[in-house]
Amino acid sequence: MNRKNNRNDFIAGLNQPAFTKDDLDKFKQKQYQKYMDFYRDESTQEYFLNVVAAILLAYRERYPDCSAKIPCREKSPTSIRAKLDDYIDEAKSSYKDNDEHSFHIKPIKDAFAMKFISLSLPPIAYSPDSEIQALIDEKNENTKFLGEMQKFNAQVFPEVFSKKLPKDNNNTYSCTKLEYFNNCKRVLEQILTLTHANATNLNDSYKNSIDDINNCISIIEAMGEQDSLLTDKDIHDSGFDFKKILKDFNSRINDRLDLTISTKQFNALFESNDIFDKLGISLNHETKEKRTKSGYVSNFIYLNTLLGTIECQIQSNHEYEEGNHGYSAHHKLRGKAIIPKPIPNPDNKEQVKEYIRIIRDTAPQSYVARMDCNENERITIQKFSDYNNYKNLVSQVTKGDPSEKYLLSYFGKLYAIQSKIFKSQESTLGFIPSDIEDYIASSKFADLKGKSSPQFEITD
């Protein structure tokens, strides 16, 4: 086949393609198998976990007053195939006349991926870094506003630490309806200052709430009830819970500062790091900031490794939780929602076998690396079972979403019979600095360095 002469036909619609559909199907299957053979190999997985442990050990050593965790995963077979489809389509659309007799697709950068999640950073009042100082000033202003609103909350809803008696539905509070709704509005407006402009869907939801509160205020004024005290019925009928709104605001105050500090800290780990050099990991020049319509926030950093490029997302703990169970949860992203499969009859071996096959094809193998609280120089990495891999994927829905209660019921029933269906067990690995050194000196590591990650092209 003269591929160069047929490229225009290929671009036009594959009527007389440079590569036939059969060519591309074989190409895709070949690349998919390369991924499975390379990335699912035990030596490859061992290297990845040593890289994760080395990063968290380096963080603990350099920033002993801070803490973090690293959730990480291997991409599922379903996701690998879907991404190969996307990259092949992308390559077809950009296929042009040139002197090369090959069809290239870009490599998948998140076959392995990790998230670096800041858990606690020490209080900071000043920084010589102008970007961080500006965020400190912003946080201080928001903290001052939080104090004002917490004082209002304490006056209206006094904290009771002993068991409360049931409330009368007509309970009257010590503030007027107008004061209550105006303060709900003020907090929502302040939340808007903390969300990114790209988060249009999230911001619109807050703006709609503000519009609804303005309507409530207009009705109160029209009825001449400006001085009327707030009641339970007012709160219930309006649907605006000041305590929940204030909690939402409080959860966002540290996000920008924490994300900026964590990103700078992570980058600094790679300055003259002998262990990283020995492991063959370094910072890639490529970075990006992800700020989506749903409010998802993450800084992407890419690492050069012996496995090729690996994706690392930096997030604050709140932003991480928002991506799992908040407004920007996984199920709201196009193509990300996973419909749980019917629970098999545990006595039907064929049903169970097919169920496990689907789970392993769909759910990524997940891990989480944590700092050991009992041993200062120890990192533990938990490897999840098939059950938890599946649960971690499917249950990423927004709290309060209609599907949440059904998923709770689904996984409750599945958990009750999990021992009859799932054979894989969770396991935990421990790493101290000498373990990383021993791995680097091992023959397994030497063998891995002799391998190469999959290549991605069809050539004449």
Foldseek 3Di string as FASTA:
>chain_A
DPLLVALVVLLVPQPPHSAHPVRVVVQLVVLLVLLCVQCVDPLNVVLVVLVQLVLQLLLCVVQVVWWKKKKKFADFSVVSSVVSVVQQVVQSNVDDRDPAFKGFGDDDQASIAMEIATADDDDDQDDPPVVLNVLSVQLVVLVVVLVVLVVVVCQFPPDDPDDDDDDDQFDWTDQFPLVVLVLLLVLLVVVLVLFDPQQQQVNVVSVVLNVLSVVVNVVCVVVVRRPPTDTNCSCVVSVDDSVVSSVVSVLRSCWVSVQVVQVVSSQVSQDPDPLCVLQAKHWDPDKDWDQHNQRQTWIWTWMQGQQGIHIYTYGYPSSVLCCQANSVDQCPDPPQADDQDDDDDLVDVVRLVVNLVVLSNHFTFMKMWGQDPVDSQKIKIKTAFSLVSSCSRNQRYYVPPPCNVVSVVVSVVCVVCVVSRTDGHMDMDMDGVVNSVVVSVDVSSVVSSVDHRDGGMDGD
